[in-house]
Amino acid sequence: MVNINFHQKNQQDESAKKKRMAINGSFFVSILILVISFSIFFGLKVFHNNVKNETASIKGQMNEELRSLGEEKISRTADFQKRTEEIESGISRNKNPKEIMSKVESLMTPGVVLTSYKYDSVKKTLALEAISDSFKKIAEQILSLKSSSYFEDVRVPKTTRDEEGRINFSVESRLVFETN
């Protein structure tokens, strides 16, 4: 009787206990996961409703602000913006008068006095009137303007003498804008 095992019943009891504990433990873990999942779900539901309410509140505030502005104020603002854009494009499109005057000044010859300056920004033409004591100085002035890269089609449409014997002349030309 050496091979008889008297403890069989205890081993079966222990394995049954282990199975019951494993089943009880997995049941509790399942319940815990289920509770956590529902908590997260309901928490997200509450958060979503709060975000929805805040969004609706902000939209209401925006609509109220837009109504308070009124159509007249919006039109004035749009008109002001349009005018600003036109002025900016005009500034970039037209040449600076100071720059044109400095170019004319650099081309004036000694003995010629400038009396009038007219610039037409649409036609890009310049009309000058000047006084000199001699035709030679007038010719030098015309040559100075013609040899410049800033002016083309330089012509003298009129010359007259005043009571003191000085020569009044006018010069018309088209401007060529080059950056030097």
C-alpha atoms as a PDB file:
ATOM      1  CA  MET A   1       0.000   0.000   0.000  1.00  0.00           C
ATOM      2  CA  VAL A   2       2.744   2.255  -0.579  1.00  0.00           C
ATOM      3  CA  ASN A   3       1.269   3.802  -3.674  1.00  0.00           C
ATOM      4  CA  ILE A   4      -1.928   4.943  -2.121  1.00  0.00           C
ATOM      5  CA  ASN A   5      -2.503   8.656  -2.069  1.00  0.00           C
ATOM      6  CA  PHE A   6      -4.648   9.754   0.806  1.00  0.00           C
ATOM      7  CA  HIS A   7      -4.641  13.432  -0.038  1.00  0.00           C
ATOM      8  CA  GLN A   8      -6.573  13.377  -3.276  1.00  0.00           C
ATOM      9  CA  LYS A   9      -9.608  15.006  -1.831  1.00  0.00           C
ATOM     10  CA  ASN A  10      -7.624  17.998  -0.577  1.00  0.00           C
ATOM     11  CA  GLN A  11      -6.029  18.588  -3.977  1.00  0.00           C
ATOM     12  CA  GLN A  12      -9.406  18.579  -5.666  1.00  0.00           C
ATOM     13  CA  ASP A  13     -10.710  21.016  -3.083  1.00  0.00           C
ATOM     14  CA  GLU A  14      -7.761  23.345  -3.615  1.00  0.00           C
ATOM     15  CA  SER A  15      -8.135  23.351  -7.396  1.00  0.00           C
ATOM     16  CA  ALA A  16     -11.870  24.084  -7.057  1.00  0.00           C
ATOM     17  CA  LYS A  17     -11.075  26.950  -4.675  1.00  0.00           C
ATOM     18  CA  LYS A  18      -8.563  28.374  -7.136  1.00  0.00           C
ATOM     19  CA  LYS A  19     -11.114  28.195  -9.947  1.00  0.00           C
ATOM     20  CA  ARG A  20     -13.756  29.938  -7.824  1.00  0.00           C
ATOM     21  CA  MET A  21     -11.314  32.688  -6.838  1.00  0.00           C
ATOM     22  CA  ALA A  22     -10.272  33.201 -10.453  1.00  0.00           C
ATOM     23  CA  ILE A  23     -13.924  33.451 -11.519  1.00  0.00           C
ATOM     24  CA  ASN A  24     -14.727  35.855  -8.662  1.00  0.00           C
ATOM     25  CA  GLY A  25     -11.657  38.012  -9.473  1.00  0.00           C
ATOM     26  CA  SER A  26     -12.438  38.233 -13.201  1.00  0.00           C
ATOM     27  CA  PHE A  27     -16.053  39.072 -12.354  1.00  0.00           C
ATOM     28  CA  PHE A  28     -14.945  41.982 -10.185  1.00  0.00           C
ATOM     29  CA  VAL A  29     -12.470  43.197 -12.844  1.00  0.00           C
ATOM     30  CA  SER A  30     -15.237  43.065 -15.463  1.00  0.00           C
ATOM     31  CA  ILE A  31     -17.601  45.034 -13.236  1.00  0.00           C
ATOM     32  CA  LEU A  32     -14.841  47.594 -12.530  1.00  0.00           C
ATOM     33  CA  ILE A  33     -14.102  48.056 -16.270  1.00  0.00           C
ATOM     34  CA  LEU A  34     -17.834  48.433 -16.932  1.00  0.00           C
ATOM     35  CA  VAL A  35     -18.204  51.089 -14.208  1.00  0.00           C
ATOM     36  CA  ILE A  36     -15.164  53.033 -15.489  1.00  0.00           C
ATOM     37  CA  SER A  37     -16.466  52.889 -19.088  1.00  0.00           C
ATOM     38  CA  PHE A  38     -19.893  54.227 -18.091  1.00  0.00           C
ATOM     39  CA  SER A  39     -18.250  56.966 -15.988  1.00  0.00           C
ATOM     40  CA  ILE A  40     -16.134  58.076 -18.946  1.00  0.00           C
ATOM     41  CA  PHE A  41     -19.142  57.932 -21.286  1.00  0.00           C
ATOM     42  CA  PHE A  42     -21.356  60.062 -19.018  1.00  0.00           C
ATOM     43  CA  GLY A  43     -18.473  62.457 -18.298  1.00  0.00           C
ATOM     44  CA  LEU A  44     -17.942  63.007 -22.036  1.00  0.00           C
ATOM     45  CA  LYS A  45     -21.686  63.467 -22.510  1.00  0.00           C
ATOM     46  CA  VAL A  46     -21.756  66.215 -19.841  1.00  0.00           C
ATOM     47  CA  PHE A  47     -18.627  67.864 -21.333  1.00  0.00           C
ATOM     48  CA  HIS A  48     -20.165  67.789 -24.839  1.00  0.00           C
ATOM     49  CA  ASN A  49     -23.339  69.474 -23.562  1.00  0.00           C
ATOM     50  CA  ASN A  50     -21.279  72.171 -21.812  1.00  0.00           C
ATOM     51  CA  VAL A  51     -19.284  72.889 -24.984  1.00  0.00           C
ATOM     52  CA  LYS A  52     -22.523  73.050 -27.001  1.00  0.00           C
ATOM     53  CA  ASN A  53     -24.028  75.568 -24.558  1.00  0.00           C
ATOM     54  CA  GLU A  54     -20.884  77.729 -24.577  1.00  0.00           C
ATOM     55  CA  THR A  55     -20.822  77.708 -28.397  1.00  0.00           C
ATOM     56  CA  ALA A  56     -24.457  78.779 -28.541  1.00  0.00           C
ATOM     57  CA  SER A  57     -23.762  81.541 -26.020  1.00  0.00           C
ATOM     58  CA  ILE A  58     -20.781  82.859 -28.031  1.00  0.00           C
ATOM     59  CA  LYS A  59     -22.799  82.806 -31.271  1.00  0.00           C
ATOM     60  CA  GLY A  60     -25.540  84.792 -29.541  1.00  0.00           C
ATOM     61  CA  GLN A  61     -23.003  87.383 -28.360  1.00  0.00           C
ATOM     62  CA  MET A  62     -21.566  87.683 -31.869  1.00  0.00           C
ATOM     63  CA  ASN A  63     -25.009  88.216 -33.394  1.00  0.00           C
ATOM     64  CA  GLU A  64     -25.827  90.823 -30.744  1.00  0.00           C
ATOM     65  CA  GLU A  65     -22.557  92.683 -31.467  1.00  0.00           C
ATOM     66  CA  LEU A  66     -23.235  92.620 -35.207  1.00  0.00           C
ATOM     67  CA  ARG A  67     -26.727  94.026 -34.650  1.00  0.00           C
ATOM     68  CA  SER A  68     -25.308  96.778 -32.441  1.00  0.00           C
ATOM     69  CA  LEU A  69     -22.923  97.831 -35.214  1.00  0.00           C
ATOM     70  CA  GLY A  70     -25.755  98.507 -37.608  1.00  0.00           C
ATOM     71  CA  GLU A  71     -25.647  98.624 -41.387  1.00  0.00           C
ATOM     72  CA  GLU A  72     -24.580 102.260 -41.597  1.00  0.00           C
ATOM     73  CA  LYS A  73     -21.479 101.714 -39.495  1.00  0.00           C
ATOM     74  CA  ILE A  74     -20.551  98.595 -41.464  1.00  0.00           C
ATOM     75  CA  SER A  75     -20.972 100.485 -44.749  1.00  0.00           C
ATOM     76  CA  ARG A  76     -18.814 103.337 -43.456  1.00  0.00           C
ATOM     77  CA  THR A  77     -16.139 100.878 -42.379  1.00  0.00           C
ATOM     78  CA  ALA A  78     -16.181  99.117 -45.755  1.00  0.00           C
ATOM     79  CA  ASP A  79     -16.071 102.481 -47.566  1.00  0.00           C
ATOM     80  CA  PHE A  80     -13.115 103.586 -45.436  1.00  0.00           C
ATOM     81  CA  GLN A  81     -11.308 100.318 -46.240  1.00  0.00           C
ATOM     82  CA  LYS A  82     -11.964 100.784 -49.954  1.00  0.00           C
ATOM     83  CA  ARG A  83     -10.641 104.358 -49.860  1.00  0.00           C
ATOM     84  CA  THR A  84      -7.545 103.244 -47.982  1.00  0.00           C
ATOM     85  CA  GLU A  85      -6.814 100.572 -50.600  1.00  0.00           C
ATOM     86  CA  GLU A  86      -7.262 103.101 -53.435  1.00  0.00           C
ATOM     87  CA  ILE A  87      -4.891 105.559 -51.769  1.00  0.00           C
ATOM     88  CA  GLU A  88      -2.287 102.846 -51.243  1.00  0.00           C
ATOM     89  CA  SER A  89      -2.498 101.756 -54.880  1.00  0.00           C
ATOM     90  CA  GLY A  90      -2.288 105.409 -55.992  1.00  0.00           C
ATOM     91  CA  ILE A  91       0.819 105.955 -53.914  1.00  0.00           C
ATOM     92  CA  SER A  92       2.513 102.891 -55.334  1.00  0.00           C
ATOM     93  CA  ARG A  93       1.427 103.752 -58.893  1.00  0.00           C
ATOM     94  CA  ASN A  94       2.425 107.432 -58.936  1.00  0.00           C
ATOM     95  CA  LYS A  95       5.894 108.827 -58.691  1.00  0.00           C
ATOM     96  CA  ASN A  96       6.889 110.849 -55.671  1.00  0.00           C
ATOM     97  CA  PRO A  97       6.886 114.588 -56.608  1.00  0.00           C
ATOM     98  CA  LYS A  98       9.924 115.194 -54.435  1.00  0.00           C
ATOM     99  CA  GLU A  99      11.861 112.630 -56.452  1.00  0.00           C
ATOM    100  CA  ILE A 100      10.838 114.246 -59.747  1.00  0.00           C
ATOM    101  CA  MET A 101      11.776 117.695 -58.461  1.00  0.00           C
ATOM    102  CA  SER A 102      15.177 116.478 -57.292  1.00  0.00           C
ATOM    103  CA  LYS A 103      15.833 115.018 -60.763  1.00  0.00           C
ATOM    104  CA  VAL A 104      14.801 118.295 -62.432  1.00  0.00           C
ATOM    105  CA  GLU A 105      16.960 120.220 -59.956  1.00  0.00           C
ATOM    106  CA  SER A 106      19.999 118.076 -60.721  1.00  0.00           C
ATOM    107  CA  LEU A 107      19.556 118.747 -64.461  1.00  0.00           C
ATOM    108  CA  MET A 108      19.153 122.540 -64.239  1.00  0.00           C
ATOM    109  CA  THR A 109      22.089 124.431 -65.752  1.00  0.00           C
ATOM    110  CA  PRO A 110      23.600 127.605 -64.286  1.00  0.00           C
ATOM    111  CA  GLY A 111      22.004 130.777 -65.635  1.00  0.00           C
ATOM    112  CA  VAL A 112      18.521 129.235 -66.029  1.00  0.00           C
ATOM    113  CA  VAL A 113      15.878 130.019 -63.389  1.00  0.00           C
ATOM    114  CA  LEU A 114      12.851 127.745 -63.095  1.00  0.00           C
ATOM    115  CA  THR A 115       9.589 129.742 -62.648  1.00  0.00           C
ATOM    116  CA  SER A 116       6.886 127.109 -63.075  1.00  0.00           C
ATOM    117  CA  TYR A 117       6.551 123.368 -62.660  1.00  0.00           C
ATOM    118  CA  LYS A 118       3.494 121.297 -63.661  1.00  0.00           C
ATOM    119  CA  TYR A 119       3.276 117.525 -63.541  1.00  0.00           C
ATOM    120  CA  ASP A 120       0.380 115.562 -65.040  1.00  0.00           C
ATOM    121  CA  SER A 121       0.299 112.157 -63.344  1.00  0.00           C
ATOM    122  CA  VAL A 122      -2.234 110.725 -65.807  1.00  0.00           C
ATOM    123  CA  LYS A 123      -0.291 111.569 -68.972  1.00  0.00           C
ATOM    124  CA  LYS A 124       3.081 111.356 -67.167  1.00  0.00           C
ATOM    125  CA  THR A 125       4.136 114.697 -68.641  1.00  0.00           C
ATOM    126  CA  LEU A 126       6.086 117.546 -67.145  1.00  0.00           C
ATOM    127  CA  ALA A 127       5.742 121.219 -68.158  1.00  0.00           C
ATOM    128  CA  LEU A 128       8.450 123.640 -67.026  1.00  0.00           C
ATOM    129  CA  GLU A 129       8.728 127.393 -67.511  1.00  0.00           C
ATOM    130  CA  ALA A 130      12.061 129.122 -67.029  1.00  0.00           C
ATOM    131  CA  ILE A 131      13.928 132.394 -67.581  1.00  0.00           C
ATOM    132  CA  SER A 132      17.426 132.893 -68.969  1.00  0.00           C
ATOM    133  CA  ASP A 133      19.617 135.714 -70.296  1.00  0.00           C
ATOM    134  CA  SER A 134      20.844 133.960 -73.446  1.00  0.00           C
ATOM    135  CA  PHE A 135      19.803 131.436 -76.038  1.00  0.00           C
ATOM    136  CA  LYS A 136      23.045 129.555 -75.412  1.00  0.00           C
ATOM    137  CA  LYS A 137      22.026 128.812 -71.811  1.00  0.00           C
ATOM    138  CA  ILE A 138      18.572 127.730 -73.033  1.00  0.00           C
ATOM    139  CA  ALA A 139      20.204 125.358 -75.532  1.00  0.00           C
ATOM    140  CA  GLU A 140      22.418 123.927 -72.759  1.00  0.00           C
ATOM    141  CA  GLN A 141      19.326 123.416 -70.610  1.00  0.00           C
ATOM    142  CA  ILE A 142      17.445 121.632 -73.392  1.00  0.00           C
ATOM    143  CA  LEU A 143      20.494 119.451 -74.103  1.00  0.00           C
ATOM    144  CA  SER A 144      20.776 118.603 -70.396  1.00  0.00           C
ATOM    145  CA  LEU A 145      17.129 117.455 -70.301  1.00  0.00           C
ATOM    146  CA  LYS A 146      17.368 115.522 -73.587  1.00  0.00           C
ATOM    147  CA  SER A 147      20.536 113.706 -72.563  1.00  0.00           C
ATOM    148  CA  SER A 148      18.908 112.591 -69.300  1.00  0.00           C
ATOM    149  CA  SER A 149      17.424 109.126 -69.040  1.00  0.00           C
ATOM    150  CA  TYR A 150      14.486 110.522 -67.026  1.00  0.00           C
ATOM    151  CA  PHE A 151      12.912 112.562 -69.827  1.00  0.00           C
ATOM    152  CA  GLU A 152      12.016 111.841 -73.427  1.00  0.00           C
ATOM    153  CA  ASP A 153      10.324 113.795 -76.177  1.00  0.00           C
ATOM    154  CA  VAL A 154      11.689 117.105 -74.829  1.00  0.00           C
ATOM    155  CA  ARG A 155      10.389 120.104 -76.794  1.00  0.00           C
ATOM    156  CA  VAL A 156      10.208 123.882 -76.438  1.00  0.00           C
ATOM    157  CA  PRO A 157       6.745 125.014 -77.552  1.00  0.00           C
ATOM    158  CA  LYS A 158       7.144 128.724 -76.714  1.00  0.00           C
ATOM    159  CA  THR A 159       9.780 131.417 -76.165  1.00  0.00           C
ATOM    160  CA  THR A 160       9.180 135.119 -75.428  1.00  0.00           C
ATOM    161  CA  ARG A 161      11.133 138.140 -74.219  1.00  0.00           C
ATOM    162  CA  ASP A 162      10.082 140.241 -71.269  1.00  0.00           C
ATOM    163  CA  GLU A 163      10.548 144.017 -70.787  1.00  0.00           C
ATOM    164  CA  GLU A 164      13.979 143.544 -69.220  1.00  0.00           C
ATOM    165  CA  GLY A 165      15.265 141.551 -72.197  1.00  0.00           C
ATOM    166  CA  ARG A 166      15.278 138.154 -70.500  1.00  0.00           C
ATOM    167  CA  ILE A 167      14.078 135.127 -72.435  1.00  0.00           C
ATOM    168  CA  ASN A 168      11.042 133.253 -71.070  1.00  0.00           C
ATOM    169  CA  PHE A 169      10.697 129.718 -72.403  1.00  0.00           C
ATOM    170  CA  SER A 170       8.634 126.625 -71.668  1.00  0.00           C
ATOM    171  CA  VAL A 171       9.696 123.000 -71.894  1.00  0.00           C
ATOM    172  CA  GLU A 172       7.384 119.994 -72.219  1.00  0.00           C
ATOM    173  CA  SER A 173       8.485 116.384 -71.901  1.00  0.00           C
ATOM    174  CA  ARG A 174       7.346 112.923 -70.972  1.00  0.00           C
ATOM    175  CA  LEU A 175       8.803 111.307 -67.893  1.00  0.00           C
ATOM    176  CA  VAL A 176      10.507 107.941 -68.035  1.00  0.00           C
ATOM    177  CA  PHE A 177      10.837 106.407 -64.597  1.00  0.00           C
ATOM    178  CA  GLU A 178      14.031 104.512 -64.176  1.00  0.00           C
ATOM    179  CA  THR A 179      15.647 103.688 -60.901  1.00  0.00           C
ATOM    180  CA  ASN A 180      19.253 104.734 -60.828  1.00  0.00           C
END
